[in-house]
Amino acid sequence: MAYLLYSISFCALVVGTILYLTRNYWLHLLPGQSHLYGGLSGSFAGDIEAGLSSSTFDLNANVEGGDGRAGLDDEAKAQILAIMKKRRMRFDEARRVYMEQRFSANGIGADGRPKDPKFVSFS
């Protein structure tokens, strides 16, 4: 009887360890699970709570000033939060990566200049 109890305990420990180590692959499939950064909100205060603010991108002035706008763009927030979670970056780094991706998709280099070979600039 003791052998059976130890075997079941050992199997439960092994299965639990495997589930814990592979949780990034299956956890999103469970219903009602909240993500690391929470849901997207429609206000600047909610954006601050979601981690979408920093010393270089400060939203506190908007909240203190009573700004009635809906907050940051929902699509951009979702993509930035996904970058933060996937690459384990802080907000400023994830915002930079997001902007570089947007630039690249629109034919703009990371330095802000167009990639068009016909582009002429006088400086």
PDB file of N, CA and C in Angstrom:
ATOM      1  N   MET A   1       0.822  -1.189   0.000  1.00  0.00           N
ATOM      2  CA  MET A   1       0.000   0.000   0.000  1.00  0.00           C
ATOM      3  C   MET A   1       0.867   1.254   0.000  1.00  0.00           C
ATOM      4  N   ALA A   2       1.947   1.218   0.763  1.00  0.00           N
ATOM      5  CA  ALA A   2       2.844   2.373   0.823  1.00  0.00           C
ATOM      6  C   ALA A   2       3.496   2.605  -0.538  1.00  0.00           C
ATOM      7  N   TYR A   3       3.801   1.497  -1.249  1.00  0.00           N
ATOM      8  CA  TYR A   3       4.406   1.618  -2.573  1.00  0.00           C
ATOM      9  C   TYR A   3       3.482   2.375  -3.521  1.00  0.00           C
ATOM     10  N   LEU A   4       2.192   2.083  -3.455  1.00  0.00           N
ATOM     11  CA  LEU A   4       1.203   2.743  -4.296  1.00  0.00           C
ATOM     12  C   LEU A   4       1.104   4.226  -3.950  1.00  0.00           C
ATOM     13  N   LEU A   5       1.125   4.579  -2.683  1.00  0.00           N
ATOM     14  CA  LEU A   5       1.052   5.973  -2.252  1.00  0.00           C
ATOM     15  C   LEU A   5       2.274   6.753  -2.730  1.00  0.00           C
ATOM     16  N   TYR A   6       3.458   6.178  -2.589  1.00  0.00           N
ATOM     17  CA  TYR A   6       4.685   6.842  -3.046  1.00  0.00           C
ATOM     18  C   TYR A   6       4.704   6.980  -4.571  1.00  0.00           C
ATOM     19  N   SER A   7       4.213   5.980  -5.271  1.00  0.00           N
ATOM     20  CA  SER A   7       4.180   6.034  -6.738  1.00  0.00           C
ATOM     21  C   SER A   7       3.254   7.140  -7.219  1.00  0.00           C
ATOM     22  N   ILE A   8       2.087   7.236  -6.622  1.00  0.00           N
ATOM     23  CA  ILE A   8       1.132   8.280  -7.004  1.00  0.00           C
ATOM     24  C   ILE A   8       1.697   9.658  -6.657  1.00  0.00           C
ATOM     25  N   SER A   9       2.322   9.793  -5.512  1.00  0.00           N
ATOM     26  CA  SER A   9       2.925  11.061  -5.116  1.00  0.00           C
ATOM     27  C   SER A   9       4.040  11.471  -6.076  1.00  0.00           C
ATOM     28  N   PHE A  10       4.874  10.515  -6.445  1.00  0.00           N
ATOM     29  CA  PHE A  10       5.968  10.789  -7.366  1.00  0.00           C
ATOM     30  C   PHE A  10       5.439  11.202  -8.737  1.00  0.00           C
ATOM     31  N   CYS A  11       4.424  10.496  -9.228  1.00  0.00           N
ATOM     32  CA  CYS A  11       3.827  10.836 -10.530  1.00  0.00           C
ATOM     33  C   CYS A  11       3.197  12.225 -10.498  1.00  0.00           C
ATOM     34  N   ALA A  12       2.511  12.551  -9.408  1.00  0.00           N
ATOM     35  CA  ALA A  12       1.911  13.878  -9.275  1.00  0.00           C
ATOM     36  C   ALA A  12       2.991  14.957  -9.261  1.00  0.00           C
ATOM     37  N   LEU A  13       4.088  14.703  -8.611  1.00  0.00           N
ATOM     38  CA  LEU A  13       5.202  15.648  -8.574  1.00  0.00           C
ATOM     39  C   LEU A  13       5.807  15.846  -9.962  1.00  0.00           C
ATOM     40  N   VAL A  14       5.993  14.766 -10.702  1.00  0.00           N
ATOM     41  CA  VAL A  14       6.556  14.855 -12.054  1.00  0.00           C
ATOM     42  C   VAL A  14       5.601  15.601 -12.984  1.00  0.00           C
ATOM     43  N   VAL A  15       4.320  15.255 -12.951  1.00  0.00           N
ATOM     44  CA  VAL A  15       3.337  15.924 -13.804  1.00  0.00           C
ATOM     45  C   VAL A  15       3.224  17.404 -13.435  1.00  0.00           C
ATOM     46  N   GLY A  16       3.206  17.709 -12.159  1.00  0.00           N
ATOM     47  CA  GLY A  16       3.143  19.106 -11.718  1.00  0.00           C
ATOM     48  C   GLY A  16       4.348  19.909 -12.181  1.00  0.00           C
ATOM     49  N   THR A  17       5.519  19.316 -12.115  1.00  0.00           N
ATOM     50  CA  THR A  17       6.733  19.993 -12.570  1.00  0.00           C
ATOM     51  C   THR A  17       6.694  20.243 -14.068  1.00  0.00           C
ATOM     52  N   ILE A  18       6.261  19.257 -14.824  1.00  0.00           N
ATOM     53  CA  ILE A  18       6.161  19.416 -16.280  1.00  0.00           C
ATOM     54  C   ILE A  18       5.149  20.500 -16.625  1.00  0.00           C
ATOM     55  N   LEU A  19       3.999  20.500 -15.964  1.00  0.00           N
ATOM     56  CA  LEU A  19       2.996  21.535 -16.222  1.00  0.00           C
ATOM     57  C   LEU A  19       3.526  22.924 -15.867  1.00  0.00           C
ATOM     58  N   TYR A  20       4.254  23.021 -14.783  1.00  0.00           N
ATOM     59  CA  TYR A  20       4.811  24.312 -14.382  1.00  0.00           C
ATOM     60  C   TYR A  20       5.835  24.817 -15.401  1.00  0.00           C
ATOM     61  N   LEU A  21       6.697  23.934 -15.869  1.00  0.00           N
ATOM     62  CA  LEU A  21       7.737  24.344 -16.807  1.00  0.00           C
ATOM     63  C   LEU A  21       7.203  24.673 -18.193  1.00  0.00           C
ATOM     64  N   THR A  22       6.057  24.115 -18.559  1.00  0.00           N
ATOM     65  CA  THR A  22       5.477  24.368 -19.890  1.00  0.00           C
ATOM     66  C   THR A  22       4.252  25.276 -19.829  1.00  0.00           C
ATOM     67  N   ARG A  23       4.066  26.001 -18.749  1.00  0.00           N
ATOM     68  CA  ARG A  23       2.860  26.816 -18.575  1.00  0.00           C
ATOM     69  C   ARG A  23       2.723  27.922 -19.616  1.00  0.00           C
ATOM     70  N   ASN A  24       3.816  28.407 -20.183  1.00  0.00           N
ATOM     71  CA  ASN A  24       3.739  29.459 -21.199  1.00  0.00           C
ATOM     72  C   ASN A  24       3.083  28.961 -22.478  1.00  0.00           C
ATOM     73  N   TYR A  25       3.102  27.662 -22.712  1.00  0.00           N
ATOM     74  CA  TYR A  25       2.533  27.102 -23.923  1.00  0.00           C
ATOM     75  C   TYR A  25       1.037  26.793 -23.804  1.00  0.00           C
ATOM     76  N   TRP A  26       0.520  26.560 -22.613  1.00  0.00           N
ATOM     77  CA  TRP A  26      -0.868  26.135 -22.475  1.00  0.00           C
ATOM     78  C   TRP A  26      -1.715  27.029 -21.578  1.00  0.00           C
ATOM     79  N   LEU A  27      -1.120  27.917 -20.803  1.00  0.00           N
ATOM     80  CA  LEU A  27      -1.881  28.714 -19.847  1.00  0.00           C
ATOM     81  C   LEU A  27      -2.885  29.647 -20.523  1.00  0.00           C
ATOM     82  N   HIS A  28      -2.535  30.178 -21.695  1.00  0.00           N
ATOM     83  CA  HIS A  28      -3.443  31.088 -22.390  1.00  0.00           C
ATOM     84  C   HIS A  28      -4.704  30.383 -22.903  1.00  0.00           C
ATOM     85  N   LEU A  29      -4.704  29.079 -22.942  1.00  0.00           N
ATOM     86  CA  LEU A  29      -5.870  28.329 -23.413  1.00  0.00           C
ATOM     87  C   LEU A  29      -6.967  28.197 -22.358  1.00  0.00           C
ATOM     88  N   LEU A  30      -6.635  28.419 -21.100  1.00  0.00           N
ATOM     89  CA  LEU A  30      -7.621  28.310 -20.037  1.00  0.00           C
ATOM     90  C   LEU A  30      -8.549  29.521 -20.046  1.00  0.00           C
ATOM     91  N   PRO A  31      -9.846  29.314 -19.869  1.00  0.00           N
ATOM     92  CA  PRO A  31     -10.779  30.449 -19.870  1.00  0.00           C
ATOM     93  C   PRO A  31     -10.643  31.266 -18.580  1.00  0.00           C
ATOM     94  N   GLY A  32     -10.829  32.574 -18.738  1.00  0.00           N
ATOM     95  CA  GLY A  32     -10.847  33.457 -17.577  1.00  0.00           C
ATOM     96  C   GLY A  32      -9.494  33.789 -17.002  1.00  0.00           C
ATOM     97  N   GLN A  33      -8.431  33.469 -17.700  1.00  0.00           N
ATOM     98  CA  GLN A  33      -7.107  33.780 -17.193  1.00  0.00           C
ATOM     99  C   GLN A  33      -6.765  35.221 -17.543  1.00  0.00           C
ATOM    100  N   SER A  34      -6.291  35.974 -16.569  1.00  0.00           N
ATOM    101  CA  SER A  34      -5.837  37.332 -16.849  1.00  0.00           C
ATOM    102  C   SER A  34      -4.365  37.284 -17.208  1.00  0.00           C
ATOM    103  N   HIS A  35      -3.946  38.195 -18.035  1.00  0.00           N
ATOM    104  CA  HIS A  35      -2.555  38.240 -18.464  1.00  0.00           C
ATOM    105  C   HIS A  35      -1.715  38.958 -17.421  1.00  0.00           C
ATOM    106  N   LEU A  36      -0.438  38.927 -17.607  1.00  0.00           N
ATOM    107  CA  LEU A  36       0.497  39.512 -16.663  1.00  0.00           C
ATOM    108  C   LEU A  36       0.220  40.999 -16.450  1.00  0.00           C
ATOM    109  N   TYR A  37      -0.137  41.713 -17.500  1.00  0.00           N
ATOM    110  CA  TYR A  37      -0.333  43.150 -17.400  1.00  0.00           C
ATOM    111  C   TYR A  37      -1.798  43.529 -17.318  1.00  0.00           C
ATOM    112  N   GLY A  38      -2.690  42.594 -17.214  1.00  0.00           N
ATOM    113  CA  GLY A  38      -4.100  42.887 -17.057  1.00  0.00           C
ATOM    114  C   GLY A  38      -4.765  43.265 -18.371  1.00  0.00           C
ATOM    115  N   GLY A  39      -6.042  43.553 -18.287  1.00  0.00           N
ATOM    116  CA  GLY A  39      -6.798  43.924 -19.467  1.00  0.00           C
ATOM    117  C   GLY A  39      -6.526  45.353 -19.882  1.00  0.00           C
ATOM    118  N   LEU A  40      -6.923  45.667 -21.096  1.00  0.00           N
ATOM    119  CA  LEU A  40      -6.744  47.023 -21.586  1.00  0.00           C
ATOM    120  C   LEU A  40      -7.896  47.884 -21.090  1.00  0.00           C
ATOM    121  N   SER A  41      -7.558  49.074 -20.673  1.00  0.00           N
ATOM    122  CA  SER A  41      -8.589  49.972 -20.172  1.00  0.00           C
ATOM    123  C   SER A  41      -8.730  51.155 -21.113  1.00  0.00           C
ATOM    124  N   GLY A  42      -9.755  51.928 -20.908  1.00  0.00           N
ATOM    125  CA  GLY A  42     -10.022  53.057 -21.783  1.00  0.00           C
ATOM    126  C   GLY A  42      -9.704  54.393 -21.159  1.00  0.00           C
ATOM    127  N   SER A  43      -8.781  54.469 -20.225  1.00  0.00           N
ATOM    128  CA  SER A  43      -8.431  55.748 -19.618  1.00  0.00           C
ATOM    129  C   SER A  43      -6.934  55.799 -19.362  1.00  0.00           C
ATOM    130  N   PHE A  44      -6.439  57.019 -19.158  1.00  0.00           N
ATOM    131  CA  PHE A  44      -5.012  57.177 -18.875  1.00  0.00           C
ATOM    132  C   PHE A  44      -4.651  56.547 -17.526  1.00  0.00           C
ATOM    133  N   ALA A  45      -5.554  56.616 -16.558  1.00  0.00           N
ATOM    134  CA  ALA A  45      -5.291  55.995 -15.255  1.00  0.00           C
ATOM    135  C   ALA A  45      -5.150  54.480 -15.416  1.00  0.00           C
ATOM    136  N   GLY A  46      -5.990  53.887 -16.238  1.00  0.00           N
ATOM    137  CA  GLY A  46      -5.889  52.457 -16.499  1.00  0.00           C
ATOM    138  C   GLY A  46      -4.614  52.105 -17.242  1.00  0.00           C
ATOM    139  N   ASP A  47      -4.177  52.998 -18.132  1.00  0.00           N
ATOM    140  CA  ASP A  47      -2.927  52.764 -18.851  1.00  0.00           C
ATOM    141  C   ASP A  47      -1.735  52.786 -17.900  1.00  0.00           C
ATOM    142  N   ILE A  48      -1.779  53.681 -16.918  1.00  0.00           N
ATOM    143  CA  ILE A  48      -0.704  53.740 -15.921  1.00  0.00           C
ATOM    144  C   ILE A  48      -0.690  52.456 -15.105  1.00  0.00           C
ATOM    145  N   GLU A  49      -1.878  51.983 -14.699  1.00  0.00           N
ATOM    146  CA  GLU A  49      -1.968  50.745 -13.919  1.00  0.00           C
ATOM    147  C   GLU A  49      -1.496  49.535 -14.719  1.00  0.00           C
ATOM    148  N   ALA A  50      -1.670  49.581 -16.040  1.00  0.00           N
ATOM    149  CA  ALA A  50      -1.256  48.463 -16.885  1.00  0.00           C
ATOM    150  C   ALA A  50       0.248  48.468 -17.150  1.00  0.00           C
ATOM    151  N   GLY A  51       0.945  49.495 -16.680  1.00  0.00           N
ATOM    152  CA  GLY A  51       2.393  49.569 -16.864  1.00  0.00           C
ATOM    153  C   GLY A  51       2.806  50.309 -18.113  1.00  0.00           C
ATOM    154  N   LEU A  52       1.897  51.104 -18.680  1.00  0.00           N
ATOM    155  CA  LEU A  52       2.180  51.818 -19.918  1.00  0.00           C
ATOM    156  C   LEU A  52       2.583  53.269 -19.659  1.00  0.00           C
ATOM    157  N   SER A  53       3.429  53.470 -18.690  1.00  0.00           N
ATOM    158  CA  SER A  53       3.920  54.804 -18.372  1.00  0.00           C
ATOM    159  C   SER A  53       5.329  54.669 -17.821  1.00  0.00           C
ATOM    160  N   SER A  54       6.123  55.711 -18.011  1.00  0.00           N
ATOM    161  CA  SER A  54       7.485  55.720 -17.483  1.00  0.00           C
ATOM    162  C   SER A  54       7.901  57.173 -17.271  1.00  0.00           C
ATOM    163  N   SER A  55       9.125  57.375 -16.835  1.00  0.00           N
ATOM    164  CA  SER A  55       9.595  58.739 -16.610  1.00  0.00           C
ATOM    165  C   SER A  55       9.748  59.504 -17.926  1.00  0.00           C
ATOM    166  N   THR A  56       9.991  58.796 -19.020  1.00  0.00           N
ATOM    167  CA  THR A  56      10.116  59.462 -20.313  1.00  0.00           C
ATOM    168  C   THR A  56       8.794  59.524 -21.079  1.00  0.00           C
ATOM    169  N   PHE A  57       7.805  58.797 -20.653  1.00  0.00           N
ATOM    170  CA  PHE A  57       6.482  58.800 -21.272  1.00  0.00           C
ATOM    171  C   PHE A  57       5.473  58.864 -20.128  1.00  0.00           C
ATOM    172  N   ASP A  58       5.369  60.039 -19.515  1.00  0.00           N
ATOM    173  CA  ASP A  58       4.612  60.215 -18.283  1.00  0.00           C
ATOM    174  C   ASP A  58       3.158  60.556 -18.576  1.00  0.00           C
ATOM    175  N   LEU A  59       2.250  59.729 -18.091  1.00  0.00           N
ATOM    176  CA  LEU A  59       0.819  59.957 -18.266  1.00  0.00           C
ATOM    177  C   LEU A  59       0.178  60.597 -17.036  1.00  0.00           C
ATOM    178  N   ASN A  60       0.957  60.797 -15.974  1.00  0.00           N
ATOM    179  CA  ASN A  60       0.393  61.371 -14.753  1.00  0.00           C
ATOM    180  C   ASN A  60      -0.160  62.766 -14.972  1.00  0.00           C
ATOM    181  N   ALA A  61       0.476  63.559 -15.835  1.00  0.00           N
ATOM    182  CA  ALA A  61      -0.014  64.911 -16.112  1.00  0.00           C
ATOM    183  C   ALA A  61      -1.399  64.859 -16.753  1.00  0.00           C
ATOM    184  N   ASN A  62      -1.640  63.856 -17.583  1.00  0.00           N
ATOM    185  CA  ASN A  62      -2.957  63.703 -18.201  1.00  0.00           C
ATOM    186  C   ASN A  62      -4.018  63.386 -17.146  1.00  0.00           C
ATOM    187  N   VAL A  63      -3.672  62.524 -16.203  1.00  0.00           N
ATOM    188  CA  VAL A  63      -4.622  62.141 -15.156  1.00  0.00           C
ATOM    189  C   VAL A  63      -4.877  63.317 -14.218  1.00  0.00           C
ATOM    190  N   GLU A  64      -3.797  63.983 -13.795  1.00  0.00           N
ATOM    191  CA  GLU A  64      -3.938  65.107 -12.867  1.00  0.00           C
ATOM    192  C   GLU A  64      -4.662  66.274 -13.508  1.00  0.00           C
ATOM    193  N   GLY A  65      -4.507  66.442 -14.820  1.00  0.00           N
ATOM    194  CA  GLY A  65      -5.177  67.530 -15.529  1.00  0.00           C
ATOM    195  C   GLY A  65      -6.619  67.225 -15.862  1.00  0.00           C
ATOM    196  N   GLY A  66      -7.095  66.048 -15.517  1.00  0.00           N
ATOM    197  CA  GLY A  66      -8.488  65.686 -15.783  1.00  0.00           C
ATOM    198  C   GLY A  66      -8.758  65.458 -17.259  1.00  0.00           C
ATOM    199  N   ASP A  67      -7.793  64.950 -17.979  1.00  0.00           N
ATOM    200  CA  ASP A  67      -7.949  64.696 -19.411  1.00  0.00           C
ATOM    201  C   ASP A  67      -9.047  63.664 -19.626  1.00  0.00           C
ATOM    202  N   GLY A  68     -10.068  64.014 -20.380  1.00  0.00           N
ATOM    203  CA  GLY A  68     -11.219  63.145 -20.577  1.00  0.00           C
ATOM    204  C   GLY A  68     -11.115  62.222 -21.770  1.00  0.00           C
ATOM    205  N   ARG A  69      -9.967  62.224 -22.448  1.00  0.00           N
ATOM    206  CA  ARG A  69      -9.836  61.356 -23.616  1.00  0.00           C
ATOM    207  C   ARG A  69      -9.797  59.888 -23.191  1.00  0.00           C
ATOM    208  N   ALA A  70      -9.912  59.022 -24.165  1.00  0.00           N
ATOM    209  CA  ALA A  70     -10.046  57.585 -23.886  1.00  0.00           C
ATOM    210  C   ALA A  70      -8.730  56.900 -23.546  1.00  0.00           C
ATOM    211  N   GLY A  71      -7.633  57.581 -23.538  1.00  0.00           N
ATOM    212  CA  GLY A  71      -6.352  56.951 -23.231  1.00  0.00           C
ATOM    213  C   GLY A  71      -5.599  56.635 -24.500  1.00  0.00           C
ATOM    214  N   LEU A  72      -4.644  55.742 -24.392  1.00  0.00           N
ATOM    215  CA  LEU A  72      -3.810  55.374 -25.527  1.00  0.00           C
ATOM    216  C   LEU A  72      -4.575  54.469 -26.488  1.00  0.00           C
ATOM    217  N   ASP A  73      -4.057  54.348 -27.709  1.00  0.00           N
ATOM    218  CA  ASP A  73      -4.665  53.526 -28.750  1.00  0.00           C
ATOM    219  C   ASP A  73      -4.708  52.057 -28.314  1.00  0.00           C
ATOM    220  N   ASP A  74      -5.873  51.437 -28.396  1.00  0.00           N
ATOM    221  CA  ASP A  74      -6.042  50.057 -27.915  1.00  0.00           C
ATOM    222  C   ASP A  74      -5.180  49.061 -28.678  1.00  0.00           C
ATOM    223  N   GLU A  75      -5.082  49.208 -29.989  1.00  0.00           N
ATOM    224  CA  GLU A  75      -4.280  48.275 -30.786  1.00  0.00           C
ATOM    225  C   GLU A  75      -2.800  48.405 -30.435  1.00  0.00           C
ATOM    226  N   ALA A  76      -2.331  49.628 -30.310  1.00  0.00           N
ATOM    227  CA  ALA A  76      -0.926  49.847 -29.952  1.00  0.00           C
ATOM    228  C   ALA A  76      -0.643  49.326 -28.543  1.00  0.00           C
ATOM    229  N   LYS A  77      -1.582  49.556 -27.609  1.00  0.00           N
ATOM    230  CA  LYS A  77      -1.402  49.051 -26.242  1.00  0.00           C
ATOM    231  C   LYS A  77      -1.267  47.535 -26.236  1.00  0.00           C
ATOM    232  N   ALA A  78      -2.132  46.875 -26.977  1.00  0.00           N
ATOM    233  CA  ALA A  78      -2.097  45.412 -27.007  1.00  0.00           C
ATOM    234  C   ALA A  78      -0.772  44.906 -27.580  1.00  0.00           C
ATOM    235  N   GLN A  79      -0.293  45.547 -28.638  1.00  0.00           N
ATOM    236  CA  GLN A  79       0.970  45.108 -29.240  1.00  0.00           C
ATOM    237  C   GLN A  79       2.150  45.397 -28.325  1.00  0.00           C
ATOM    238  N   ILE A  80       2.150  46.553 -27.665  1.00  0.00           N
ATOM    239  CA  ILE A  80       3.247  46.894 -26.753  1.00  0.00           C
ATOM    240  C   ILE A  80       3.242  45.955 -25.547  1.00  0.00           C
ATOM    241  N   LEU A  81       2.062  45.664 -25.006  1.00  0.00           N
ATOM    242  CA  LEU A  81       1.984  44.725 -23.887  1.00  0.00           C
ATOM    243  C   LEU A  81       2.454  43.332 -24.296  1.00  0.00           C
ATOM    244  N   ALA A  82       2.133  42.932 -25.538  1.00  0.00           N
ATOM    245  CA  ALA A  82       2.596  41.629 -26.019  1.00  0.00           C
ATOM    246  C   ALA A  82       4.120  41.600 -26.139  1.00  0.00           C
ATOM    247  N   ILE A  83       4.707  42.696 -26.612  1.00  0.00           N
ATOM    248  CA  ILE A  83       6.170  42.776 -26.703  1.00  0.00           C
ATOM    249  C   ILE A  83       6.780  42.731 -25.313  1.00  0.00           C
ATOM    250  N   MET A  84       6.179  43.458 -24.372  1.00  0.00           N
ATOM    251  CA  MET A  84       6.687  43.476 -22.992  1.00  0.00           C
ATOM    252  C   MET A  84       6.672  42.072 -22.398  1.00  0.00           C
ATOM    253  N   LYS A  85       5.605  41.346 -22.646  1.00  0.00           N
ATOM    254  CA  LYS A  85       5.474  40.015 -22.069  1.00  0.00           C
ATOM    255  C   LYS A  85       6.365  39.003 -22.770  1.00  0.00           C
ATOM    256  N   LYS A  86       6.376  39.038 -24.103  1.00  0.00           N
ATOM    257  CA  LYS A  86       7.122  38.044 -24.865  1.00  0.00           C
ATOM    258  C   LYS A  86       8.628  38.211 -24.711  1.00  0.00           C
ATOM    259  N   ARG A  87       9.100  39.443 -24.780  1.00  0.00           N
ATOM    260  CA  ARG A  87      10.539  39.696 -24.734  1.00  0.00           C
ATOM    261  C   ARG A  87      11.037  40.115 -23.355  1.00  0.00           C
ATOM    262  N   ARG A  88      10.113  40.202 -22.401  1.00  0.00           N
ATOM    263  CA  ARG A  88      10.453  40.591 -21.031  1.00  0.00           C
ATOM    264  C   ARG A  88      11.201  41.920 -21.002  1.00  0.00           C
ATOM    265  N   MET A  89      10.563  42.927 -21.595  1.00  0.00           N
ATOM    266  CA  MET A  89      11.144  44.265 -21.671  1.00  0.00           C
ATOM    267  C   MET A  89      10.341  45.223 -20.826  1.00  0.00           C
ATOM    268  N   ARG A  90      10.962  46.336 -20.487  1.00  0.00           N
ATOM    269  CA  ARG A  90      10.245  47.420 -19.825  1.00  0.00           C
ATOM    270  C   ARG A  90       9.484  48.198 -20.886  1.00  0.00           C
ATOM    271  N   PHE A  91       8.623  49.122 -20.417  1.00  0.00           N
ATOM    272  CA  PHE A  91       7.737  49.845 -21.315  1.00  0.00           C
ATOM    273  C   PHE A  91       8.492  50.651 -22.361  1.00  0.00           C
ATOM    274  N   ASP A  92       9.516  51.391 -21.966  1.00  0.00           N
ATOM    275  CA  ASP A  92      10.244  52.233 -22.921  1.00  0.00           C
ATOM    276  C   ASP A  92      10.908  51.404 -24.019  1.00  0.00           C
ATOM    277  N   GLU A  93      11.493  50.286 -23.648  1.00  0.00           N
ATOM    278  CA  GLU A  93      12.141  49.421 -24.637  1.00  0.00           C
ATOM    279  C   GLU A  93      11.108  48.813 -25.575  1.00  0.00           C
ATOM    280  N   ALA A  94       9.981  48.376 -25.026  1.00  0.00           N
ATOM    281  CA  ALA A  94       8.925  47.785 -25.849  1.00  0.00           C
ATOM    282  C   ALA A  94       8.312  48.831 -26.776  1.00  0.00           C
ATOM    283  N   ARG A  95       8.180  50.058 -26.304  1.00  0.00           N
ATOM    284  CA  ARG A  95       7.647  51.139 -27.144  1.00  0.00           C
ATOM    285  C   ARG A  95       8.606  51.432 -28.300  1.00  0.00           C
ATOM    286  N   ARG A  96       9.921  51.398 -28.031  1.00  0.00           N
ATOM    287  CA  ARG A  96      10.917  51.606 -29.084  1.00  0.00           C
ATOM    288  C   ARG A  96      10.838  50.498 -30.123  1.00  0.00           C
ATOM    289  N   VAL A  97      10.741  49.239 -29.679  1.00  0.00           N
ATOM    290  CA  VAL A  97      10.636  48.109 -30.603  1.00  0.00           C
ATOM    291  C   VAL A  97       9.360  48.230 -31.437  1.00  0.00           C
ATOM    292  N   TYR A  98       8.257  48.606 -30.808  1.00  0.00           N
ATOM    293  CA  TYR A  98       6.987  48.767 -31.521  1.00  0.00           C
ATOM    294  C   TYR A  98       7.108  49.843 -32.597  1.00  0.00           C
ATOM    295  N   MET A  99       7.728  50.973 -32.253  1.00  0.00           N
ATOM    296  CA  MET A  99       7.869  52.055 -33.226  1.00  0.00           C
ATOM    297  C   MET A  99       8.794  51.650 -34.371  1.00  0.00           C
ATOM    298  N   GLU A 100       9.864  50.922 -34.087  1.00  0.00           N
ATOM    299  CA  GLU A 100      10.748  50.444 -35.148  1.00  0.00           C
ATOM    300  C   GLU A 100      10.016  49.485 -36.078  1.00  0.00           C
ATOM    301  N   GLN A 101       9.142  48.646 -35.528  1.00  0.00           N
ATOM    302  CA  GLN A 101       8.347  47.745 -36.354  1.00  0.00           C
ATOM    303  C   GLN A 101       7.388  48.528 -37.242  1.00  0.00           C
ATOM    304  N   ARG A 102       6.760  49.554 -36.660  1.00  0.00           N
ATOM    305  CA  ARG A 102       5.845  50.409 -37.445  1.00  0.00           C
ATOM    306  C   ARG A 102       6.600  51.154 -38.534  1.00  0.00           C
ATOM    307  N   PHE A 103       7.787  51.688 -38.198  1.00  0.00           N
ATOM    308  CA  PHE A 103       8.610  52.377 -39.192  1.00  0.00           C
ATOM    309  C   PHE A 103       8.953  51.432 -40.336  1.00  0.00           C
ATOM    310  N   SER A 104       9.418  50.243 -39.999  1.00  0.00           N
ATOM    311  CA  SER A 104       9.824  49.277 -41.009  1.00  0.00           C
ATOM    312  C   SER A 104       8.656  48.898 -41.914  1.00  0.00           C
ATOM    313  N   ALA A 105       7.477  48.732 -41.343  1.00  0.00           N
ATOM    314  CA  ALA A 105       6.296  48.373 -42.130  1.00  0.00           C
ATOM    315  C   ALA A 105       5.896  49.490 -43.090  1.00  0.00           C
ATOM    316  N   ASN A 106       6.255  50.727 -42.763  1.00  0.00           N
ATOM    317  CA  ASN A 106       5.896  51.872 -43.594  1.00  0.00           C
ATOM    318  C   ASN A 106       7.061  52.392 -44.427  1.00  0.00           C
ATOM    319  N   GLY A 107       8.137  51.620 -44.533  1.00  0.00           N
ATOM    320  CA  GLY A 107       9.260  52.005 -45.369  1.00  0.00           C
ATOM    321  C   GLY A 107      10.132  53.099 -44.780  1.00  0.00           C
ATOM    322  N   ILE A 108      10.223  53.134 -43.464  1.00  0.00           N
ATOM    323  CA  ILE A 108      11.046  54.134 -42.782  1.00  0.00           C
ATOM    324  C   ILE A 108      12.116  53.396 -41.991  1.00  0.00           C
ATOM    325  N   GLY A 109      13.350  53.869 -42.068  1.00  0.00           N
ATOM    326  CA  GLY A 109      14.442  53.251 -41.343  1.00  0.00           C
ATOM    327  C   GLY A 109      14.343  53.513 -39.853  1.00  0.00           C
ATOM    328  N   ALA A 110      15.133  52.791 -39.060  1.00  0.00           N
ATOM    329  CA  ALA A 110      15.118  52.942 -37.604  1.00  0.00           C
ATOM    330  C   ALA A 110      15.568  54.330 -37.180  1.00  0.00           C
ATOM    331  N   ASP A 111      16.341  55.002 -38.045  1.00  0.00           N
ATOM    332  CA  ASP A 111      16.802  56.350 -37.725  1.00  0.00           C
ATOM    333  C   ASP A 111      15.780  57.418 -38.092  1.00  0.00           C
ATOM    334  N   GLY A 112      14.666  57.037 -38.698  1.00  0.00           N
ATOM    335  CA  GLY A 112      13.601  57.979 -39.027  1.00  0.00           C
ATOM    336  C   GLY A 112      13.637  58.484 -40.451  1.00  0.00           C
ATOM    337  N   ARG A 113      14.605  58.068 -41.229  1.00  0.00           N
ATOM    338  CA  ARG A 113      14.688  58.506 -42.619  1.00  0.00           C
ATOM    339  C   ARG A 113      14.031  57.468 -43.526  1.00  0.00           C
ATOM    340  N   PRO A 114      13.401  57.928 -44.611  1.00  0.00           N
ATOM    341  CA  PRO A 114      12.762  56.986 -45.536  1.00  0.00           C
ATOM    342  C   PRO A 114      13.783  56.056 -46.182  1.00  0.00           C
ATOM    343  N   LYS A 115      13.349  54.826 -46.464  1.00  0.00           N
ATOM    344  CA  LYS A 115      14.206  53.844 -47.126  1.00  0.00           C
ATOM    345  C   LYS A 115      14.129  53.956 -48.646  1.00  0.00           C
ATOM    346  N   ASP A 116      13.330  54.851 -49.136  1.00  0.00           N
ATOM    347  CA  ASP A 116      13.142  55.039 -50.566  1.00  0.00           C
ATOM    348  C   ASP A 116      14.456  55.481 -51.211  1.00  0.00           C
ATOM    349  N   PRO A 117      14.959  54.744 -52.221  1.00  0.00           N
ATOM    350  CA  PRO A 117      16.226  55.123 -52.842  1.00  0.00           C
ATOM    351  C   PRO A 117      16.136  56.452 -53.605  1.00  0.00           C
ATOM    352  N   LYS A 118      14.928  56.892 -53.927  1.00  0.00           N
ATOM    353  CA  LYS A 118      14.760  58.151 -54.665  1.00  0.00           C
ATOM    354  C   LYS A 118      14.670  59.348 -53.720  1.00  0.00           C
ATOM    355  N   PHE A 119      14.666  59.106 -52.428  1.00  0.00           N
ATOM    356  CA  PHE A 119      14.544  60.191 -51.462  1.00  0.00           C
ATOM    357  C   PHE A 119      15.788  61.078 -51.472  1.00  0.00           C
ATOM    358  N   VAL A 120      15.579  62.375 -51.542  1.00  0.00           N
ATOM    359  CA  VAL A 120      16.662  63.343 -51.525  1.00  0.00           C
ATOM    360  C   VAL A 120      16.417  64.283 -50.370  1.00  0.00           C
ATOM    361  N   SER A 121      17.428  64.496 -49.556  1.00  0.00           N
ATOM    362  CA  SER A 121      17.321  65.373 -48.404  1.00  0.00           C
ATOM    363  C   SER A 121      18.413  66.421 -48.456  1.00  0.00           C
ATOM    364  N   PHE A 122      18.056  67.671 -48.202  1.00  0.00           N
ATOM    365  CA  PHE A 122      19.025  68.759 -48.147  1.00  0.00           C
ATOM    366  C   PHE A 122      19.126  69.226 -46.713  1.00  0.00           C
ATOM    367  N   SER A 123      20.302  69.112 -46.157  1.00  0.00           N
ATOM    368  CA  SER A 123      20.457  69.573 -44.780  1.00  0.00           C
ATOM    369  C   SER A 123      21.660  70.468 -44.628  1.00  0.00           C
TER     370      SER A 123
END
